[in-house]
């Protein structure tokens, strides 16, 4: 069974925030690392 060694969070957003609410202006990426392998979730 693999052991999770690291969980990293990356918050990305547009430089200028518009007054629209369509969830296209920011995003959270999560990287999970275990040994030599890594997985990404958005």
N, C-alpha and C. Protein backbone atom coordinates (compact mmCIF):
# COMPACT_ATOMS: atom_id res chain seq x y z
N UNK A 1 0.83 -1.18 0.00
CA UNK A 1 0.00 0.00 0.00
C UNK A 1 0.88 1.25 0.00
N UNK A 2 0.54 2.20 -0.86
CA UNK A 2 1.33 3.42 -0.99
C UNK A 2 1.03 4.39 0.14
N UNK A 3 2.05 5.16 0.50
CA UNK A 3 1.91 6.18 1.52
C UNK A 3 1.97 7.55 0.88
N UNK A 4 1.02 8.41 1.19
CA UNK A 4 1.03 9.77 0.67
C UNK A 4 2.14 10.54 1.37
N UNK A 5 3.06 11.10 0.58
CA UNK A 5 4.21 11.82 1.13
C UNK A 5 4.03 13.32 1.10
N UNK A 6 3.23 13.82 0.16
CA UNK A 6 3.05 15.27 0.06
C UNK A 6 1.73 15.59 -0.61
N UNK A 7 1.12 16.66 -0.15
CA UNK A 7 -0.08 17.20 -0.78
C UNK A 7 0.17 18.69 -0.96
N UNK A 8 0.16 19.16 -2.21
CA UNK A 8 0.45 20.56 -2.51
C UNK A 8 -0.77 21.20 -3.16
N UNK A 9 -1.07 22.42 -2.77
CA UNK A 9 -2.21 23.16 -3.30
C UNK A 9 -1.69 24.35 -4.10
N UNK A 10 -2.26 24.56 -5.29
CA UNK A 10 -1.89 25.67 -6.15
C UNK A 10 -3.17 26.43 -6.52
N UNK A 11 -3.28 27.66 -6.07
CA UNK A 11 -4.45 28.49 -6.38
C UNK A 11 -4.08 29.40 -7.54
N UNK A 12 -4.82 29.28 -8.62
CA UNK A 12 -4.58 30.09 -9.82
C UNK A 12 -5.77 30.99 -10.06
N UNK A 13 -5.50 32.24 -10.45
CA UNK A 13 -6.60 33.15 -10.77
C UNK A 13 -6.17 34.09 -11.88
N UNK A 14 -7.15 34.63 -12.54
CA UNK A 14 -6.91 35.60 -13.61
C UNK A 14 -6.38 36.89 -12.98
N UNK A 15 -5.53 37.63 -13.70
CA UNK A 15 -4.98 38.87 -13.13
C UNK A 15 -6.06 39.92 -12.85
N UNK A 16 -7.09 39.96 -13.68
CA UNK A 16 -8.18 40.91 -13.50
C UNK A 16 -9.47 40.13 -13.28
N UNK A 17 -10.12 40.39 -12.17
CA UNK A 17 -11.37 39.68 -11.86
C UNK A 17 -12.53 40.46 -12.46
N UNK A 18 -13.34 39.77 -13.25
CA UNK A 18 -14.51 40.38 -13.88
C UNK A 18 -15.74 40.17 -13.00
N UNK A 19 -16.80 40.88 -13.30
CA UNK A 19 -18.05 40.78 -12.53
C UNK A 19 -18.97 39.71 -13.09
N UNK A 20 -18.39 38.61 -13.56
CA UNK A 20 -19.18 37.49 -14.06
C UNK A 20 -18.99 36.31 -13.11
N UNK A 21 -19.96 35.45 -13.03
CA UNK A 21 -19.88 34.32 -12.10
C UNK A 21 -19.99 33.01 -12.87
N UNK A 22 -18.97 32.70 -13.68
CA UNK A 22 -19.01 31.47 -14.47
C UNK A 22 -17.89 30.49 -14.08
N UNK A 23 -17.23 30.73 -12.95
CA UNK A 23 -16.17 29.85 -12.42
C UNK A 23 -14.98 29.70 -13.36
N UNK A 24 -14.76 30.65 -14.25
CA UNK A 24 -13.63 30.55 -15.17
C UNK A 24 -12.48 31.46 -14.75
N UNK A 25 -12.58 32.13 -13.62
CA UNK A 25 -11.56 33.11 -13.24
C UNK A 25 -10.57 32.59 -12.21
N UNK A 26 -10.86 31.46 -11.59
CA UNK A 26 -9.91 30.90 -10.64
C UNK A 26 -10.04 29.38 -10.62
N UNK A 27 -8.99 28.75 -10.09
CA UNK A 27 -8.99 27.29 -10.04
C UNK A 27 -8.03 26.84 -8.94
N UNK A 28 -8.33 25.71 -8.34
CA UNK A 28 -7.46 25.12 -7.33
C UNK A 28 -6.95 23.79 -7.87
N UNK A 29 -5.64 23.66 -7.99
CA UNK A 29 -5.01 22.41 -8.41
C UNK A 29 -4.40 21.75 -7.18
N UNK A 30 -4.54 20.43 -7.08
CA UNK A 30 -3.99 19.68 -5.96
C UNK A 30 -3.08 18.59 -6.52
N UNK A 31 -1.85 18.58 -6.03
CA UNK A 31 -0.89 17.54 -6.43
C UNK A 31 -0.66 16.63 -5.23
N UNK A 32 -0.80 15.31 -5.44
CA UNK A 32 -0.59 14.32 -4.40
C UNK A 32 0.60 13.46 -4.83
N UNK A 33 1.62 13.40 -3.99
CA UNK A 33 2.84 12.66 -4.34
C UNK A 33 3.03 11.48 -3.41
N UNK A 34 3.49 10.37 -4.02
CA UNK A 34 3.80 9.15 -3.28
C UNK A 34 4.96 8.47 -3.98
N UNK A 35 6.12 8.52 -3.38
CA UNK A 35 7.30 7.93 -4.01
C UNK A 35 7.66 8.66 -5.28
N UNK A 36 7.81 7.91 -6.39
CA UNK A 36 8.17 8.50 -7.68
C UNK A 36 6.94 8.90 -8.49
N UNK A 37 5.76 8.73 -7.95
CA UNK A 37 4.54 9.03 -8.71
C UNK A 37 3.81 10.22 -8.11
N UNK A 38 3.10 10.95 -8.98
CA UNK A 38 2.29 12.09 -8.54
C UNK A 38 1.00 12.12 -9.32
N UNK A 39 -0.04 12.60 -8.68
CA UNK A 39 -1.34 12.73 -9.34
C UNK A 39 -1.87 14.13 -9.12
N UNK A 40 -2.67 14.59 -10.08
CA UNK A 40 -3.23 15.94 -10.03
C UNK A 40 -4.75 15.86 -10.01
N UNK A 41 -5.36 16.75 -9.23
CA UNK A 41 -6.81 16.89 -9.16
C UNK A 41 -7.15 18.35 -9.36
N UNK A 42 -8.19 18.60 -10.12
CA UNK A 42 -8.62 19.98 -10.31
C UNK A 42 -10.03 20.15 -9.84
